[in-house]
PDB file of N, CA and C in Angstrom:
ATOM      1  N   MET A   1     -11.089   4.369  -6.194  1.00  0.00           N
ATOM      2  CA  MET A   1     -11.046   3.605  -4.761  1.00  0.00           C
ATOM      3  C   MET A   1     -10.684   4.518  -3.562  1.00  0.00           C
ATOM      4  N   ARG A   2     -11.957   4.189  -2.896  1.00  0.00           N
ATOM      5  CA  ARG A   2     -11.643   4.640  -1.471  1.00  0.00           C
ATOM      6  C   ARG A   2     -11.273   3.366  -0.723  1.00  0.00           C
ATOM      7  N   ALA A   3     -10.482   4.346   0.299  1.00  0.00           N
ATOM      8  CA  ALA A   3     -10.131   3.328   1.497  1.00  0.00           C
ATOM      9  C   ALA A   3     -10.115   3.597   3.116  1.00  0.00           C
ATOM     10  N   MET A   4     -10.225   2.830   4.045  1.00  0.00           N
ATOM     11  CA  MET A   4      -9.959   3.496   5.384  1.00  0.00           C
ATOM     12  C   MET A   4      -8.936   2.895   5.620  1.00  0.00           C
ATOM     13  N   SER A   5      -7.785   4.362   6.034  1.00  0.00           N
ATOM     14  CA  SER A   5      -6.105   4.242   6.300  1.00  0.00           C
ATOM     15  C   SER A   5      -6.072   4.655   7.709  1.00  0.00           C
ATOM     16  N   LEU A   6      -5.323   3.918   8.324  1.00  0.00           N
ATOM     17  CA  LEU A   6      -4.888   3.868   9.544  1.00  0.00           C
ATOM     18  C   LEU A   6      -3.706   5.191   9.902  1.00  0.00           C
ATOM     19  N   GLN A   7      -3.463   6.427  10.414  1.00  0.00           N
ATOM     20  CA  GLN A   7      -3.110   7.537   9.926  1.00  0.00           C
ATOM     21  C   GLN A   7      -1.784   7.415  11.618  1.00  0.00           C
ATOM     22  N   ALA A   8      -1.017   8.031  11.093  1.00  0.00           N
ATOM     23  CA  ALA A   8       0.210   7.728  12.498  1.00  0.00           C
ATOM     24  C   ALA A   8      -0.558   9.009  13.433  1.00  0.00           C
ATOM     25  N   PRO A   9      -0.415   9.191  14.732  1.00  0.00           N
ATOM     26  CA  PRO A   9      -0.111   7.533  15.825  1.00  0.00           C
ATOM     27  C   PRO A   9      -1.304   6.504  15.170  1.00  0.00           C
ATOM     28  N   VAL A  10      -1.363   5.279  14.715  1.00  0.00           N
ATOM     29  CA  VAL A  10      -2.042   4.675  14.696  1.00  0.00           C
ATOM     30  C   VAL A  10      -3.184   4.855  15.990  1.00  0.00           C
ATOM     31  N   GLY A  11      -4.377   4.523  15.757  1.00  0.00           N
ATOM     32  CA  GLY A  11      -5.660   4.323  16.639  1.00  0.00           C
ATOM     33  C   GLY A  11      -6.764   4.470  16.097  1.00  0.00           C
ATOM     34  N   LEU A  12      -7.660   4.433  16.968  1.00  0.00           N
ATOM     35  CA  LEU A  12      -8.846   4.627  16.224  1.00  0.00           C
ATOM     36  C   LEU A  12      -9.620   5.793  15.881  1.00  0.00           C
ATOM     37  N   ASP A  13      -9.297   6.566  16.626  1.00  0.00           N
ATOM     38  CA  ASP A  13      -9.583   8.123  16.138  1.00  0.00           C
ATOM     39  C   ASP A  13      -8.563   8.610  14.858  1.00  0.00           C
ATOM     40  N   THR A  14      -7.692   8.013  14.633  1.00  0.00           N
ATOM     41  CA  THR A  14      -6.961   8.561  12.867  1.00  0.00           C
ATOM     42  C   THR A  14      -7.167   7.505  12.314  1.00  0.00           C
ATOM     43  N   VAL A  15      -8.245   6.873  11.783  1.00  0.00           N
ATOM     44  CA  VAL A  15      -8.331   6.353  10.474  1.00  0.00           C
ATOM     45  C   VAL A  15      -9.105   7.665   9.911  1.00  0.00           C
ATOM     46  N   LYS A  16      -8.787   7.339   8.551  1.00  0.00           N
ATOM     47  CA  LYS A  16      -9.326   8.495   7.650  1.00  0.00           C
ATOM     48  C   LYS A  16      -9.859   7.780   6.117  1.00  0.00           C
ATOM     49  N   LEU A  17     -10.387   8.280   5.793  1.00  0.00           N
ATOM     50  CA  LEU A  17     -11.442   7.443   4.400  1.00  0.00           C
ATOM     51  C   LEU A  17     -10.260   8.079   3.216  1.00  0.00           C
ATOM     52  N   ILE A  18      -9.697   7.640   2.165  1.00  0.00           N
ATOM     53  CA  ILE A  18      -8.889   8.231   1.240  1.00  0.00           C
ATOM     54  C   ILE A  18      -9.024   7.457   0.253  1.00  0.00           C
ATOM     55  N   ASP A  19      -9.109   8.403  -1.013  1.00  0.00           N
ATOM     56  CA  ASP A  19      -8.678   8.036  -2.322  1.00  0.00           C
ATOM     57  C   ASP A  19      -7.511   7.040  -2.630  1.00  0.00           C
ATOM     58  N   ARG A  20      -7.621   6.260  -3.796  1.00  0.00           N
ATOM     59  CA  ARG A  20      -6.797   5.656  -4.033  1.00  0.00           C
ATOM     60  C   ARG A  20      -6.341   5.324  -5.068  1.00  0.00           C
ATOM     61  N   PRO A  21      -5.974   5.046  -6.567  1.00  0.00           N
ATOM     62  CA  PRO A  21      -6.238   4.676  -7.789  1.00  0.00           C
ATOM     63  C   PRO A  21      -6.700   3.185  -7.618  1.00  0.00           C
ATOM     64  N   ASP A  22      -7.247   3.692  -8.940  1.00  0.00           N
ATOM     65  CA  ASP A  22      -8.048   1.820  -9.206  1.00  0.00           C
ATOM     66  C   ASP A  22      -7.189   0.788  -9.205  1.00  0.00           C
ATOM     67  N   PRO A  23      -7.300  -0.585  -8.419  1.00  0.00           N
ATOM     68  CA  PRO A  23      -6.435  -1.642  -8.838  1.00  0.00           C
ATOM     69  C   PRO A  23      -5.719  -1.915 -10.018  1.00  0.00           C
ATOM     70  N   GLY A  24      -6.846  -1.827 -11.147  1.00  0.00           N
ATOM     71  CA  GLY A  24      -6.190  -2.052 -12.398  1.00  0.00           C
ATOM     72  C   GLY A  24      -6.859  -3.442 -12.488  1.00  0.00           C
ATOM     73  N   GLN A  25      -6.062  -4.125 -13.569  1.00  0.00           N
ATOM     74  CA  GLN A  25      -6.244  -5.473 -13.846  1.00  0.00           C
ATOM     75  C   GLN A  25      -5.244  -6.054 -12.861  1.00  0.00           C
ATOM     76  N   PRO A  26      -5.654  -7.697 -12.678  1.00  0.00           N
ATOM     77  CA  PRO A  26      -4.749  -8.137 -11.548  1.00  0.00           C
ATOM     78  C   PRO A  26      -3.027  -8.559 -12.188  1.00  0.00           C
ATOM     79  N   GLY A  27      -2.574  -8.301 -11.354  1.00  0.00           N
ATOM     80  CA  GLY A  27      -0.902  -9.100 -12.040  1.00  0.00           C
ATOM     81  C   GLY A  27      -1.172 -10.735 -12.087  1.00  0.00           C
ATOM     82  N   PRO A  28       0.183 -10.933 -12.774  1.00  0.00           N
ATOM     83  CA  PRO A  28       0.412 -12.497 -12.686  1.00  0.00           C
ATOM     84  C   PRO A  28      -0.247 -13.364 -11.434  1.00  0.00           C
ATOM     85  N   CYS A  29      -0.854 -14.241 -11.858  1.00  0.00           N
ATOM     86  CA  CYS A  29      -1.511 -15.297 -11.007  1.00  0.00           C
ATOM     87  C   CYS A  29      -2.209 -14.834  -9.985  1.00  0.00           C
ATOM     88  N   GLN A  30      -3.046 -13.601 -10.273  1.00  0.00           N
ATOM     89  CA  GLN A  30      -3.309 -12.986  -9.263  1.00  0.00           C
ATOM     90  C   GLN A  30      -5.496 -12.745  -9.523  1.00  0.00           C
ATOM     91  N   ILE A  31      -6.259 -12.601  -8.795  1.00  0.00           N
ATOM     92  CA  ILE A  31      -7.449 -12.497  -9.125  1.00  0.00           C
ATOM     93  C   ILE A  31      -8.165 -11.133  -8.592  1.00  0.00           C
ATOM     94  N   ARG A  32      -8.939  -9.994  -9.088  1.00  0.00           N
ATOM     95  CA  ARG A  32      -9.722  -9.113  -8.155  1.00  0.00           C
ATOM     96  C   ARG A  32     -10.878  -9.215  -7.745  1.00  0.00           C
ATOM     97  N   VAL A  33     -11.448  -9.372  -6.723  1.00  0.00           N
ATOM     98  CA  VAL A  33     -12.444  -9.113  -6.415  1.00  0.00           C
ATOM     99  C   VAL A  33     -13.205  -8.457  -5.623  1.00  0.00           C
ATOM    100  N   ALA A  34     -14.413  -8.396  -5.991  1.00  0.00           N
ATOM    101  CA  ALA A  34     -15.501  -6.920  -5.731  1.00  0.00           C
ATOM    102  C   ALA A  34     -15.841  -7.688  -4.549  1.00  0.00           C
ATOM    103  N   LEU A  35     -15.608  -6.789  -3.445  1.00  0.00           N
ATOM    104  CA  LEU A  35     -15.694  -7.140  -2.042  1.00  0.00           C
ATOM    105  C   LEU A  35     -17.165  -6.403  -1.469  1.00  0.00           C
ATOM    106  N   HIS A  36     -18.184  -7.711  -1.202  1.00  0.00           N
ATOM    107  CA  HIS A  36     -19.651  -7.515  -0.732  1.00  0.00           C
ATOM    108  C   HIS A  36     -19.713  -7.698   0.469  1.00  0.00           C
ATOM    109  N   GLY A  37     -18.655  -8.059   1.518  1.00  0.00           N
ATOM    110  CA  GLY A  37     -19.321  -8.167   2.900  1.00  0.00           C
ATOM    111  C   GLY A  37     -17.642  -8.205   3.638  1.00  0.00           C
ATOM    112  N   SER A  38     -17.507  -7.517   4.842  1.00  0.00           N
ATOM    113  CA  SER A  38     -16.031  -7.436   6.010  1.00  0.00           C
ATOM    114  C   SER A  38     -16.839  -7.093   7.126  1.00  0.00           C
ATOM    115  N   THR A  39     -15.787  -7.856   7.716  1.00  0.00           N
ATOM    116  CA  THR A  39     -15.992  -8.006   9.498  1.00  0.00           C
ATOM    117  C   THR A  39     -14.787  -7.223   9.935  1.00  0.00           C
ATOM    118  N   LEU A  40     -15.237  -6.816  11.406  1.00  0.00           N
ATOM    119  CA  LEU A  40     -14.091  -6.848  11.879  1.00  0.00           C
ATOM    120  C   LEU A  40     -13.580  -7.298  13.239  1.00  0.00           C
ATOM    121  N   ASN A  41     -12.458  -8.159  12.970  1.00  0.00           N
ATOM    122  CA  ASN A  41     -12.287  -9.483  13.649  1.00  0.00           C
ATOM    123  C   ASN A  41     -11.626  -8.760  15.216  1.00  0.00           C
ATOM    124  N   TYR A  42     -11.047  -9.639  15.743  1.00  0.00           N
ATOM    125  CA  TYR A  42     -10.670  -9.353  16.865  1.00  0.00           C
ATOM    126  C   TYR A  42      -9.164  -8.491  17.117  1.00  0.00           C
ATOM    127  N   HIS A  43      -8.219  -9.896  15.885  1.00  0.00           N
ATOM    128  CA  HIS A  43      -6.747  -8.751  15.312  1.00  0.00           C
ATOM    129  C   HIS A  43      -7.035  -7.476  14.782  1.00  0.00           C
ATOM    130  N   ASP A  44      -8.092  -7.497  14.050  1.00  0.00           N
ATOM    131  CA  ASP A  44      -8.177  -6.132  13.167  1.00  0.00           C
ATOM    132  C   ASP A  44      -8.318  -4.917  14.168  1.00  0.00           C
ATOM    133  N   LEU A  45      -9.154  -5.232  15.006  1.00  0.00           N
ATOM    134  CA  LEU A  45      -9.449  -4.365  16.121  1.00  0.00           C
ATOM    135  C   LEU A  45      -7.839  -3.652  16.644  1.00  0.00           C
ATOM    136  N   GLY A  46      -7.398  -4.771  17.358  1.00  0.00           N
ATOM    137  CA  GLY A  46      -5.975  -4.732  18.118  1.00  0.00           C
ATOM    138  C   GLY A  46      -4.864  -3.888  17.328  1.00  0.00           C
ATOM    139  N   VAL A  47      -5.221  -4.240  15.895  1.00  0.00           N
ATOM    140  CA  VAL A  47      -4.248  -3.639  14.553  1.00  0.00           C
ATOM    141  C   VAL A  47      -4.592  -2.086  14.749  1.00  0.00           C
ATOM    142  N   ALA A  48      -5.961  -1.708  14.553  1.00  0.00           N
ATOM    143  CA  ALA A  48      -6.714  -0.472  14.007  1.00  0.00           C
ATOM    144  C   ALA A  48      -6.245   0.723  15.432  1.00  0.00           C
ATOM    145  N   SER A  49      -6.767  -0.260  16.651  1.00  0.00           N
ATOM    146  CA  SER A  49      -6.423   0.323  18.057  1.00  0.00           C
ATOM    147  C   SER A  49      -5.246   0.932  18.125  1.00  0.00           C
ATOM    148  N   GLY A  50      -4.203   0.416  17.794  1.00  0.00           N
ATOM    149  CA  GLY A  50      -2.885   0.911  17.784  1.00  0.00           C
ATOM    150  C   GLY A  50      -2.249  -0.096  19.294  1.00  0.00           C
ATOM    151  N   ARG A  51      -3.060  -1.154  19.626  1.00  0.00           N
ATOM    152  CA  ARG A  51      -2.209  -1.868  20.123  1.00  0.00           C
ATOM    153  C   ARG A  51      -1.240  -3.404  19.949  1.00  0.00           C
ATOM    154  N   MET A  52      -1.248  -3.417  18.375  1.00  0.00           N
ATOM    155  CA  MET A  52      -0.880  -4.220  17.877  1.00  0.00           C
ATOM    156  C   MET A  52      -0.024  -3.543  16.692  1.00  0.00           C
ATOM    157  N   PRO A  53       1.259  -3.075  16.746  1.00  0.00           N
ATOM    158  CA  PRO A  53       1.965  -2.656  15.582  1.00  0.00           C
ATOM    159  C   PRO A  53       1.668  -2.695  14.379  1.00  0.00           C
ATOM    160  N   THR A  54       1.531  -1.686  13.571  1.00  0.00           N
ATOM    161  CA  THR A  54       1.712  -1.890  12.176  1.00  0.00           C
ATOM    162  C   THR A  54       2.217  -0.542  11.697  1.00  0.00           C
ATOM    163  N   GLN A  55       2.593  -0.001  10.424  1.00  0.00           N
ATOM    164  CA  GLN A  55       2.660   0.675   9.882  1.00  0.00           C
ATOM    165  C   GLN A  55       1.618   2.195   9.578  1.00  0.00           C
ATOM    166  N   ALA A  56       1.831   3.354   9.565  1.00  0.00           N
ATOM    167  CA  ALA A  56       1.090   4.182   9.614  1.00  0.00           C
ATOM    168  C   ALA A  56       0.251   3.908   7.725  1.00  0.00           C
ATOM    169  N   GLY A  57      -0.614   4.660   7.601  1.00  0.00           N
ATOM    170  CA  GLY A  57      -1.319   4.154   6.388  1.00  0.00           C
ATOM    171  C   GLY A  57      -1.815   2.856   5.856  1.00  0.00           C
ATOM    172  N   ARG A  58      -2.151   2.237   7.036  1.00  0.00           N
ATOM    173  CA  ARG A  58      -2.452   0.588   6.686  1.00  0.00           C
ATOM    174  C   ARG A  58      -3.616   0.654   6.596  1.00  0.00           C
ATOM    175  N   ILE A  59      -4.181  -0.183   5.242  1.00  0.00           N
ATOM    176  CA  ILE A  59      -5.505  -0.322   5.022  1.00  0.00           C
ATOM    177  C   ILE A  59      -6.034  -1.676   5.840  1.00  0.00           C
ATOM    178  N   PRO A  60      -6.781  -1.287   6.790  1.00  0.00           N
ATOM    179  CA  PRO A  60      -7.302  -2.435   8.126  1.00  0.00           C
ATOM    180  C   PRO A  60      -8.017  -3.821   7.190  1.00  0.00           C
ATOM    181  N   LEU A  61      -8.467  -4.989   8.282  1.00  0.00           N
ATOM    182  CA  LEU A  61      -9.384  -5.953   7.967  1.00  0.00           C
ATOM    183  C   LEU A  61      -8.921  -7.164   7.171  1.00  0.00           C
ATOM    184  N   ALA A  62      -8.801  -8.389   7.901  1.00  0.00           N
ATOM    185  CA  ALA A  62      -8.805  -8.997   6.976  1.00  0.00           C
ATOM    186  C   ALA A  62      -9.560 -10.331   6.628  1.00  0.00           C
ATOM    187  N   ASP A  63     -11.025 -10.426   7.080  1.00  0.00           N
ATOM    188  CA  ASP A  63     -12.047 -10.670   7.131  1.00  0.00           C
ATOM    189  C   ASP A  63     -12.777  -9.985   5.842  1.00  0.00           C
ATOM    190  N   GLY A  64     -13.155 -11.049   4.709  1.00  0.00           N
ATOM    191  CA  GLY A  64     -14.227 -10.362   3.560  1.00  0.00           C
ATOM    192  C   GLY A  64     -14.239 -11.692   2.776  1.00  0.00           C
ATOM    193  N   ALA A  65     -15.971 -11.185   2.043  1.00  0.00           N
ATOM    194  CA  ALA A  65     -16.169 -12.221   1.208  1.00  0.00           C
ATOM    195  C   ALA A  65     -16.664 -11.595  -0.055  1.00  0.00           C
ATOM    196  N   GLY A  66     -16.791 -11.815  -1.152  1.00  0.00           N
ATOM    197  CA  GLY A  66     -17.173 -11.085  -2.547  1.00  0.00           C
ATOM    198  C   GLY A  66     -17.314 -12.404  -3.612  1.00  0.00           C
ATOM    199  N   ILE A  67     -17.117 -11.418  -5.165  1.00  0.00           N
ATOM    200  CA  ILE A  67     -17.361 -12.236  -6.291  1.00  0.00           C
ATOM    201  C   ILE A  67     -16.161 -11.836  -7.028  1.00  0.00           C
ATOM    202  N   VAL A  68     -14.902 -12.820  -7.569  1.00  0.00           N
ATOM    203  CA  VAL A  68     -14.164 -12.820  -8.551  1.00  0.00           C
ATOM    204  C   VAL A  68     -14.727 -12.101  -9.739  1.00  0.00           C
ATOM    205  N   GLU A  69     -14.254 -10.835 -10.087  1.00  0.00           N
ATOM    206  CA  GLU A  69     -14.315  -9.807 -11.041  1.00  0.00           C
ATOM    207  C   GLU A  69     -13.899  -9.563 -12.551  1.00  0.00           C
ATOM    208  N   ALA A  70     -12.423 -10.138 -11.826  1.00  0.00           N
ATOM    209  CA  ALA A  70     -11.409 -10.406 -13.207  1.00  0.00           C
ATOM    210  C   ALA A  70      -9.957 -11.036 -12.218  1.00  0.00           C
ATOM    211  N   LEU A  71      -9.813 -11.749 -13.432  1.00  0.00           N
ATOM    212  CA  LEU A  71      -8.419 -12.599 -13.164  1.00  0.00           C
ATOM    213  C   LEU A  71      -7.363 -12.817 -14.317  1.00  0.00           C
ATOM    214  N   SER A  72      -6.183 -12.828 -14.038  1.00  0.00           N
ATOM    215  CA  SER A  72      -5.141 -12.953 -14.749  1.00  0.00           C
ATOM    216  C   SER A  72      -4.816 -14.261 -15.381  1.00  0.00           C
ATOM    217  N   GLU A  73      -3.800 -14.204 -16.304  1.00  0.00           N
ATOM    218  CA  GLU A  73      -3.436 -15.232 -17.072  1.00  0.00           C
ATOM    219  C   GLU A  73      -2.429 -16.181 -15.978  1.00  0.00           C
ATOM    220  N   GLY A  74      -2.738 -17.736 -16.090  1.00  0.00           N
ATOM    221  CA  GLY A  74      -2.192 -18.515 -14.924  1.00  0.00           C
ATOM    222  C   GLY A  74      -3.009 -19.194 -13.936  1.00  0.00           C
ATOM    223  N   VAL A  75      -4.286 -18.323 -13.683  1.00  0.00           N
ATOM    224  CA  VAL A  75      -5.588 -18.405 -12.855  1.00  0.00           C
ATOM    225  C   VAL A  75      -5.885 -19.738 -12.986  1.00  0.00           C
ATOM    226  N   THR A  76      -6.081 -21.157 -12.373  1.00  0.00           N
ATOM    227  CA  THR A  76      -6.763 -21.869 -12.902  1.00  0.00           C
ATOM    228  C   THR A  76      -7.972 -22.404 -11.701  1.00  0.00           C
ATOM    229  N   GLU A  77      -7.915 -21.968 -10.381  1.00  0.00           N
ATOM    230  CA  GLU A  77      -8.593 -22.259  -9.452  1.00  0.00           C
ATOM    231  C   GLU A  77      -9.768 -21.535  -9.377  1.00  0.00           C
ATOM    232  N   PHE A  78      -9.942 -20.413  -9.831  1.00  0.00           N
ATOM    233  CA  PHE A  78     -11.055 -19.480  -9.925  1.00  0.00           C
ATOM    234  C   PHE A  78     -11.401 -19.067 -11.332  1.00  0.00           C
ATOM    235  N   GLN A  79     -12.901 -18.680 -11.611  1.00  0.00           N
ATOM    236  CA  GLN A  79     -13.531 -18.098 -12.449  1.00  0.00           C
ATOM    237  C   GLN A  79     -14.339 -16.840 -12.265  1.00  0.00           C
ATOM    238  N   VAL A  80     -14.496 -16.004 -13.304  1.00  0.00           N
ATOM    239  CA  VAL A  80     -14.984 -15.160 -13.377  1.00  0.00           C
ATOM    240  C   VAL A  80     -16.284 -15.449 -12.657  1.00  0.00           C
ATOM    241  N   GLY A  81     -17.261 -14.738 -11.382  1.00  0.00           N
ATOM    242  CA  GLY A  81     -18.283 -15.015 -10.866  1.00  0.00           C
ATOM    243  C   GLY A  81     -18.557 -16.131 -10.062  1.00  0.00           C
ATOM    244  N   ASP A  82     -17.161 -16.337  -9.335  1.00  0.00           N
ATOM    245  CA  ASP A  82     -16.760 -16.986  -8.029  1.00  0.00           C
ATOM    246  C   ASP A  82     -16.769 -16.711  -6.823  1.00  0.00           C
ATOM    247  N   ALA A  83     -17.716 -16.930  -5.938  1.00  0.00           N
ATOM    248  CA  ALA A  83     -18.223 -16.588  -4.382  1.00  0.00           C
ATOM    249  C   ALA A  83     -16.619 -17.015  -3.886  1.00  0.00           C
ATOM    250  N   VAL A  84     -15.628 -16.041  -3.152  1.00  0.00           N
ATOM    251  CA  VAL A  84     -14.622 -15.714  -2.462  1.00  0.00           C
ATOM    252  C   VAL A  84     -14.563 -15.438  -1.042  1.00  0.00           C
ATOM    253  N   VAL A  85     -13.950 -16.227  -0.120  1.00  0.00           N
ATOM    254  CA  VAL A  85     -13.725 -15.810   0.832  1.00  0.00           C
ATOM    255  C   VAL A  85     -12.323 -15.316   1.257  1.00  0.00           C
ATOM    256  N   SER A  86     -12.213 -14.325   2.283  1.00  0.00           N
ATOM    257  CA  SER A  86     -10.754 -14.232   2.117  1.00  0.00           C
ATOM    258  C   SER A  86     -10.129 -15.247   3.212  1.00  0.00           C
ATOM    259  N   CYS A  87      -8.698 -15.280   3.169  1.00  0.00           N
ATOM    260  CA  CYS A  87      -8.333 -16.159   4.277  1.00  0.00           C
ATOM    261  C   CYS A  87      -7.154 -15.783   5.245  1.00  0.00           C
ATOM    262  N   PHE A  88      -7.502 -15.673   6.658  1.00  0.00           N
ATOM    263  CA  PHE A  88      -6.830 -15.167   7.800  1.00  0.00           C
ATOM    264  C   PHE A  88      -5.160 -14.918   7.438  1.00  0.00           C
ATOM    265  N   PHE A  89      -4.648 -16.427   7.383  1.00  0.00           N
ATOM    266  CA  PHE A  89      -3.229 -16.640   6.691  1.00  0.00           C
ATOM    267  C   PHE A  89      -3.322 -17.636   5.556  1.00  0.00           C
ATOM    268  N   PRO A  90      -2.713 -15.785   4.595  1.00  0.00           N
ATOM    269  CA  PRO A  90      -3.273 -16.275   3.453  1.00  0.00           C
ATOM    270  C   PRO A  90      -2.154 -17.404   2.576  1.00  0.00           C
ATOM    271  N   ASP A  91      -0.778 -18.289   3.205  1.00  0.00           N
ATOM    272  CA  ASP A  91      -0.352 -18.646   2.533  1.00  0.00           C
ATOM    273  C   ASP A  91      -0.531 -20.389   3.074  1.00  0.00           C
ATOM    274  N   TRP A  92      -1.272 -20.629   4.399  1.00  0.00           N
ATOM    275  CA  TRP A  92      -2.236 -21.791   4.816  1.00  0.00           C
ATOM    276  C   TRP A  92      -3.058 -22.332   3.771  1.00  0.00           C
ATOM    277  N   GLN A  93      -2.508 -24.063   3.432  1.00  0.00           N
ATOM    278  CA  GLN A  93      -3.447 -24.808   2.643  1.00  0.00           C
ATOM    279  C   GLN A  93      -3.897 -25.763   2.889  1.00  0.00           C
ATOM    280  N   ASP A  94      -3.309 -26.145   4.460  1.00  0.00           N
ATOM    281  CA  ASP A  94      -3.839 -27.174   4.642  1.00  0.00           C
ATOM    282  C   ASP A  94      -3.184 -27.697   6.197  1.00  0.00           C
ATOM    283  N   GLY A  95      -3.881 -28.163   7.029  1.00  0.00           N
ATOM    284  CA  GLY A  95      -3.308 -29.056   8.024  1.00  0.00           C
ATOM    285  C   GLY A  95      -3.830 -27.633   9.298  1.00  0.00           C
ATOM    286  N   ALA A  96      -3.043 -28.054  10.436  1.00  0.00           N
ATOM    287  CA  ALA A  96      -2.752 -26.268  11.303  1.00  0.00           C
ATOM    288  C   ALA A  96      -1.976 -25.471  10.850  1.00  0.00           C
ATOM    289  N   PRO A  97      -2.244 -24.167  11.327  1.00  0.00           N
ATOM    290  CA  PRO A  97      -1.545 -23.136  10.585  1.00  0.00           C
ATOM    291  C   PRO A  97      -0.044 -23.083  11.287  1.00  0.00           C
ATOM    292  N   THR A  98       0.608 -22.438  10.623  1.00  0.00           N
ATOM    293  CA  THR A  98       2.047 -22.205  11.296  1.00  0.00           C
ATOM    294  C   THR A  98       1.887 -20.539  11.327  1.00  0.00           C
ATOM    295  N   VAL A  99       1.890 -20.193  13.216  1.00  0.00           N
ATOM    296  CA  VAL A  99       1.587 -18.836  13.295  1.00  0.00           C
ATOM    297  C   VAL A  99       3.252 -18.416  14.172  1.00  0.00           C
ATOM    298  N   GLY A 100       3.872 -18.127  12.930  1.00  0.00           N
ATOM    299  CA  GLY A 100       4.983 -17.530  13.425  1.00  0.00           C
ATOM    300  C   GLY A 100       4.866 -15.956  13.080  1.00  0.00           C
ATOM    301  N   ASP A 101       4.640 -15.172  12.495  1.00  0.00           N
ATOM    302  CA  ASP A 101       4.416 -13.947  12.467  1.00  0.00           C
ATOM    303  C   ASP A 101       2.981 -13.480  11.510  1.00  0.00           C
ATOM    304  N   PHE A 102       2.950 -12.474  11.087  1.00  0.00           N
ATOM    305  CA  PHE A 102       1.630 -11.507  10.128  1.00  0.00           C
ATOM    306  C   PHE A 102       2.121 -10.833   9.427  1.00  0.00           C
ATOM    307  N   HIS A 103       2.927 -10.868   8.683  1.00  0.00           N
ATOM    308  CA  HIS A 103       3.726 -10.131   7.756  1.00  0.00           C
ATOM    309  C   HIS A 103       2.862 -10.320   6.686  1.00  0.00           C
ATOM    310  N   ARG A 104       2.274 -11.015   6.362  1.00  0.00           N
ATOM    311  CA  ARG A 104       1.469 -11.519   5.299  1.00  0.00           C
ATOM    312  C   ARG A 104       0.212 -11.402   5.372  1.00  0.00           C
ATOM    313  N   THR A 105      -0.233 -11.176   6.550  1.00  0.00           N
ATOM    314  CA  THR A 105      -1.815 -11.226   7.214  1.00  0.00           C
ATOM    315  C   THR A 105      -2.388  -9.867   6.689  1.00  0.00           C
ATOM    316  N   PRO A 106      -3.605  -9.813   5.900  1.00  0.00           N
ATOM    317  CA  PRO A 106      -4.307  -8.535   5.165  1.00  0.00           C
ATOM    318  C   PRO A 106      -4.926  -7.774   6.436  1.00  0.00           C
ATOM    319  N   GLY A 107      -4.267  -6.362   6.136  1.00  0.00           N
ATOM    320  CA  GLY A 107      -4.942  -5.383   7.680  1.00  0.00           C
ATOM    321  C   GLY A 107      -3.641  -5.448   8.411  1.00  0.00           C
ATOM    322  N   ASP A 108      -2.725  -6.190   8.566  1.00  0.00           N
ATOM    323  CA  ASP A 108      -1.664  -6.207   9.615  1.00  0.00           C
ATOM    324  C   ASP A 108      -0.120  -5.780   8.621  1.00  0.00           C
ATOM    325  N   GLY A 109       0.154  -6.759   8.095  1.00  0.00           N
ATOM    326  CA  GLY A 109       1.461  -6.616   7.411  1.00  0.00           C
ATOM    327  C   GLY A 109       1.503  -6.328   6.266  1.00  0.00           C
ATOM    328  N   ILE A 110       0.018  -6.764   5.422  1.00  0.00           N
ATOM    329  CA  ILE A 110       0.203  -6.183   3.984  1.00  0.00           C
ATOM    330  C   ILE A 110      -1.267  -5.211   4.103  1.00  0.00           C
ATOM    331  N   ASP A 111      -2.007  -4.548   3.519  1.00  0.00           N
ATOM    332  CA  ASP A 111      -2.950  -4.053   3.136  1.00  0.00           C
ATOM    333  C   ASP A 111      -4.233  -4.985   3.109  1.00  0.00           C
ATOM    334  N   GLY A 112      -5.575  -4.706   3.872  1.00  0.00           N
ATOM    335  CA  GLY A 112      -6.386  -4.966   3.895  1.00  0.00           C
ATOM    336  C   GLY A 112      -7.619  -4.686   3.090  1.00  0.00           C
ATOM    337  N   LEU A 113      -8.946  -5.683   3.746  1.00  0.00           N
ATOM    338  CA  LEU A 113      -9.899  -5.498   2.755  1.00  0.00           C
ATOM    339  C   LEU A 113     -10.742  -4.214   2.787  1.00  0.00           C
ATOM    340  N   ARG A 114     -10.639  -3.207   3.274  1.00  0.00           N
ATOM    341  CA  ARG A 114     -11.073  -2.178   3.703  1.00  0.00           C
ATOM    342  C   ARG A 114     -11.787  -1.147   2.903  1.00  0.00           C
ATOM    343  N   ARG A 115     -11.717  -1.394   1.643  1.00  0.00           N
ATOM    344  CA  ARG A 115     -11.795  -0.646   0.296  1.00  0.00           C
ATOM    345  C   ARG A 115     -12.999  -1.055  -0.520  1.00  0.00           C
ATOM    346  N   THR A 116     -13.576   0.146  -1.179  1.00  0.00           N
ATOM    347  CA  THR A 116     -14.434   0.444  -2.045  1.00  0.00           C
ATOM    348  C   THR A 116     -14.261   0.377  -3.275  1.00  0.00           C
TER     349      THR A 116
END
């Protein structure tokens, strides 16, 4: 799998295309999505340009859409072939989001979607 990685010092001029292992089969209660589109939002630009701190090696981008290509046992809300979009706040289910930190936000606290 190929991915765009933010190298140290994090900034737009240090983005590097890297090879990473294939993600394999999804873990417990996970799905694997074939990404068909992604966008660079304002938060992503802040992270990728170094204005918002993140670790070197981070894979950027929080916004994406694709098709579920595999799922593990225990997944009941999705089926292979479903069209899905990412959620900037992955733990947000309903109501107003609680914005305390970005430690689980794709492309910031965890690796994002800029992978092929």
